[in-house]
Amino acid sequence: MLYPVVSDDVRENPSDDVTGARGSHRVLTVAGGCFWCLDAVYRRLRGITSVESGYTGSDWPDPDYETVCSGRTGHAEAVRVGFDESVISADMVLDIFFTGHDPTTLNRQGHDVGTQYRSALFADGAEDEALFRAAIERNQDNWAAPIVTTIEPAARWYPAEWYHQDFYTNRPDAGYCHVIITPKLAKVRQRYSAWLVEPQLSRPLT
């Protein structure tokens, strides 16, 4: 289930649809290293309506964190991002993706090594594939080395365990958050400060 990012106006009007029905709602599935990092970035952007960490990119059944981390399953740690296109464009969501991780390192983000940490975009059809190819071409100028992000067909989605959702907010004292996630947020803030907002209340859909 997707974990919606609930804005202030929705808190004041709880009958409104938190999934973005008042605008044009879209969901993209992206992977770029440990899912805690992209989860933290996207929860702090205007126009984001839902964020969920999970596993995708393989036909191995019923993966869990331990087996995915082993590299045996072929899954990527990924994030499903729902957003309101009347507020933030798909292009902007992807440009921030290419800022929030290093898309030039194959199957690796820092000390996280393995195919489960690959940089990947999961296309749900030809429209997504064209969008992703354009984003790679557009963002290549920002990197000296070639972007190695793969475009893969959408596969079955498995939500990660509840304790992985909104990890950065819920575990602010964790060493990984200080050493890895905070610098990535700082990089996004430097380039896209106009899009950042205070993290909003998140809760699971029932």
Protein backbone atom coordinates (compact mmCIF):
# COMPACT_ATOMS: atom_id res chain seq x y z
CA MET A 1 0.00 0.00 0.00
CA LEU A 2 1.17 3.51 -0.74
CA TYR A 3 1.88 5.83 2.14
CA PRO A 4 0.31 9.20 1.32
CA VAL A 5 2.04 12.43 2.09
CA VAL A 6 -0.76 14.44 3.64
CA SER A 7 -0.65 18.20 3.09
CA ASP A 8 -1.99 20.85 5.46
CA ASP A 9 -5.11 21.51 3.39
CA VAL A 10 -6.00 17.81 3.49
CA ARG A 11 -5.63 17.79 7.27
CA GLU A 12 -8.10 20.66 7.44
CA ASN A 13 -10.45 18.95 4.96
CA PRO A 14 -10.13 15.22 5.67
CA SER A 15 -12.92 14.36 3.24
CA ASP A 16 -10.70 15.45 0.33
CA ASP A 17 -8.91 12.72 -1.61
CA VAL A 18 -5.28 12.54 -0.47
CA THR A 19 -4.21 10.75 -3.64
CA GLY A 20 -4.41 13.89 -5.74
CA ALA A 21 -7.84 13.55 -7.37
CA ARG A 22 -8.04 17.34 -7.53
CA GLY A 23 -5.16 17.30 -9.99
CA SER A 24 -3.63 14.89 -12.47
CA HIS A 25 -2.22 12.01 -10.44
CA ARG A 26 0.63 9.82 -11.68
CA VAL A 27 2.90 7.18 -10.18
CA LEU A 28 6.50 6.46 -11.18
CA THR A 29 8.71 3.66 -9.88
CA VAL A 30 12.39 4.49 -9.47
CA ALA A 31 15.45 2.86 -7.90
CA GLY A 32 18.73 4.46 -6.90
CA GLY A 33 20.52 2.67 -4.09
CA CYS A 34 19.08 2.15 -0.63
CA PHE A 35 15.40 3.07 -0.74
CA TRP A 36 15.65 5.03 2.50
CA CYS A 37 17.44 7.81 0.59
CA LEU A 38 14.97 8.46 -2.24
CA ASP A 39 12.09 7.97 0.20
CA ALA A 40 13.47 10.83 2.30
CA VAL A 41 13.95 13.10 -0.72
CA TYR A 42 10.51 12.62 -2.23
CA ARG A 43 8.64 13.06 1.06
CA ARG A 44 9.99 16.60 1.19
CA LEU A 45 8.81 17.80 -2.23
CA ARG A 46 5.80 19.91 -3.12
CA GLY A 47 3.27 18.01 -5.19
CA ILE A 48 4.20 14.54 -3.95
CA THR A 49 1.08 12.71 -2.80
CA SER A 50 2.40 9.26 -1.87
CA VAL A 51 5.70 7.49 -1.29
CA GLU A 52 6.31 3.79 -0.70
CA SER A 53 9.56 1.85 -0.44
CA GLY A 54 9.56 -1.66 -1.82
CA TYR A 55 11.08 -4.30 -4.08
CA THR A 56 10.66 -4.79 -7.83
CA GLY A 57 12.47 -5.87 -10.99
CA SER A 58 12.44 -9.65 -10.58
CA ASP A 59 10.08 -12.61 -10.70
CA TRP A 60 11.42 -14.08 -7.44
CA PRO A 61 8.26 -14.56 -5.34
CA ASP A 62 7.58 -12.87 -2.01
CA PRO A 63 10.93 -11.18 -1.37
CA ASP A 64 11.80 -9.71 2.00
CA TYR A 65 14.54 -7.32 3.08
CA GLU A 66 17.00 -10.02 4.08
CA THR A 67 16.79 -11.95 0.80
CA VAL A 68 16.85 -8.80 -1.35
CA CYS A 69 19.94 -7.54 0.51
CA SER A 70 21.66 -10.84 -0.24
CA GLY A 71 21.48 -10.03 -3.96
CA ARG A 72 19.98 -13.45 -4.73
CA THR A 73 16.50 -12.33 -5.77
CA GLY A 74 17.34 -9.88 -8.56
CA HIS A 75 15.06 -7.23 -7.08
CA ALA A 76 16.00 -3.58 -6.71
CA GLU A 77 15.26 -1.54 -3.63
CA ALA A 78 12.88 0.97 -5.16
CA VAL A 79 10.40 3.72 -4.41
CA ARG A 80 6.94 4.27 -5.88
CA VAL A 81 6.27 8.00 -6.07
CA GLY A 82 2.77 9.38 -6.54
CA PHE A 83 2.45 13.02 -7.51
CA ASP A 84 0.05 15.66 -8.74
CA GLU A 85 1.13 16.78 -12.20
CA SER A 86 -0.74 20.05 -11.78
CA VAL A 87 1.84 20.88 -9.06
CA ILE A 88 5.04 19.08 -10.07
CA SER A 89 5.85 17.63 -13.48
CA ALA A 90 7.09 14.14 -14.21
CA ASP A 91 10.22 15.73 -15.68
CA MET A 92 10.93 17.49 -12.39
CA VAL A 93 10.34 14.28 -10.41
CA LEU A 94 12.94 12.57 -12.60
CA ASP A 95 15.43 15.45 -12.58
CA ILE A 96 15.39 15.29 -8.78
CA PHE A 97 15.88 11.51 -9.02
CA PHE A 98 19.08 12.11 -10.98
CA THR A 99 20.24 14.57 -8.32
CA GLY A 100 19.35 12.43 -5.29
CA HIS A 101 21.76 9.61 -6.18
CA ASP A 102 24.76 8.90 -8.41
CA PRO A 103 23.42 7.40 -11.66
CA THR A 104 26.92 6.76 -13.05
CA THR A 105 27.96 3.92 -10.72
CA LEU A 106 26.90 0.46 -11.86
CA ASN A 107 25.11 -1.57 -9.18
CA ARG A 108 26.52 0.65 -6.47
CA GLN A 109 25.78 3.67 -4.29
CA GLY A 110 28.73 4.38 -2.03
CA HIS A 111 29.30 1.36 0.21
CA ASP A 112 26.02 -0.27 -0.88
CA VAL A 113 27.07 -2.72 -3.59
CA GLY A 114 24.99 -5.20 -5.60
CA THR A 115 22.26 -5.34 -8.21
CA GLN A 116 19.72 -4.58 -5.49
CA TYR A 117 21.21 -1.07 -5.40
CA ARG A 118 21.15 -0.49 -9.15
CA SER A 119 19.99 2.76 -10.68
CA ALA A 120 16.82 1.87 -12.59
CA LEU A 121 13.56 3.25 -13.90
CA PHE A 122 10.61 0.90 -14.30
CA ALA A 123 8.46 1.70 -17.32
CA ASP A 124 4.76 0.99 -17.27
CA GLY A 125 4.38 1.24 -21.04
CA ALA A 126 5.78 3.22 -23.98
CA GLU A 127 4.94 6.63 -22.51
CA ASP A 128 7.02 5.97 -19.42
CA GLU A 129 9.87 4.59 -21.51
CA ALA A 130 10.01 7.72 -23.69
CA LEU A 131 9.83 9.92 -20.58
CA PHE A 132 12.72 8.03 -18.98
CA ARG A 133 14.92 8.13 -22.09
CA ALA A 134 14.44 11.86 -22.38
CA ALA A 135 15.28 12.33 -18.69
CA ILE A 136 18.53 10.36 -19.05
CA GLU A 137 19.57 12.42 -22.06
CA ARG A 138 18.64 15.68 -20.33
CA ASN A 139 20.55 14.88 -17.16
CA GLN A 140 23.68 13.46 -18.76
CA ASP A 141 25.16 16.97 -19.03
CA ASN A 142 25.22 17.14 -15.22
CA TRP A 143 27.55 14.16 -14.93
CA ALA A 144 31.08 13.69 -16.28
CA ALA A 145 30.74 9.91 -16.47
CA PRO A 146 28.05 8.15 -18.51
CA ILE A 147 24.71 7.55 -16.81
CA VAL A 148 24.18 3.80 -16.39
CA THR A 149 20.55 3.94 -15.23
CA THR A 150 18.61 1.08 -16.78
CA ILE A 151 15.08 1.28 -18.12
CA GLU A 152 13.28 -1.93 -17.22
CA PRO A 153 9.71 -3.09 -17.78
CA ALA A 154 7.43 -2.67 -14.80
CA ALA A 155 7.37 -5.83 -12.69
CA ARG A 156 5.35 -6.95 -9.72
CA TRP A 157 5.66 -4.56 -6.80
CA TYR A 158 6.26 -5.79 -3.26
CA PRO A 159 5.96 -3.18 -0.48
CA ALA A 160 8.87 -3.22 1.95
CA GLU A 161 8.32 -3.96 5.60
CA TRP A 162 6.60 -1.22 7.56
CA TYR A 163 9.74 -0.17 9.42
CA HIS A 164 11.42 0.84 6.14
CA GLN A 165 8.72 3.40 5.33
CA ASP A 166 9.75 7.01 6.07
CA PHE A 167 12.92 5.67 7.68
CA TYR A 168 14.73 9.02 7.80
CA THR A 169 11.97 10.76 9.73
CA ASN A 170 11.32 7.88 12.09
CA ARG A 171 14.98 7.16 12.92
CA PRO A 172 16.71 10.56 12.95
CA ASP A 173 19.53 9.33 15.19
CA ALA A 174 20.57 6.43 12.95
CA GLY A 175 24.14 6.72 11.73
CA TYR A 176 23.15 5.94 8.13
CA CYS A 177 20.80 8.92 8.14
CA HIS A 178 23.51 11.34 9.26
CA VAL A 179 26.29 10.02 7.04
CA ILE A 180 24.42 9.10 3.84
CA ILE A 181 20.93 10.58 3.65
CA THR A 182 21.51 14.06 5.06
CA PRO A 183 24.21 14.93 2.46
CA LYS A 184 21.93 13.74 -0.35
CA LEU A 185 19.13 15.95 0.94
CA ALA A 186 21.57 18.84 1.10
CA LYS A 187 22.49 18.35 -2.56
CA VAL A 188 18.84 18.33 -3.59
CA ARG A 189 18.19 21.38 -1.43
CA GLN A 190 21.04 23.26 -3.10
CA ARG A 191 19.62 22.71 -6.60
CA TYR A 192 15.86 22.48 -5.96
CA SER A 193 15.23 24.52 -2.83
CA ALA A 194 12.03 26.01 -4.30
CA TRP A 195 10.47 22.53 -4.39
CA LEU A 196 11.31 21.48 -0.85
CA VAL A 197 8.78 21.65 1.96
CA GLU A 198 8.77 20.50 5.55
CA PRO A 199 8.10 16.75 5.75
CA GLN A 200 4.40 16.12 6.04
CA LEU A 201 2.42 13.62 8.07
CA SER A 202 2.47 10.17 6.48
CA ARG A 203 0.21 7.29 7.31
CA PRO A 204 -0.66 3.97 5.65
CA LEU A 205 -3.79 3.74 3.56
CA THR A 206 -6.37 1.40 5.09
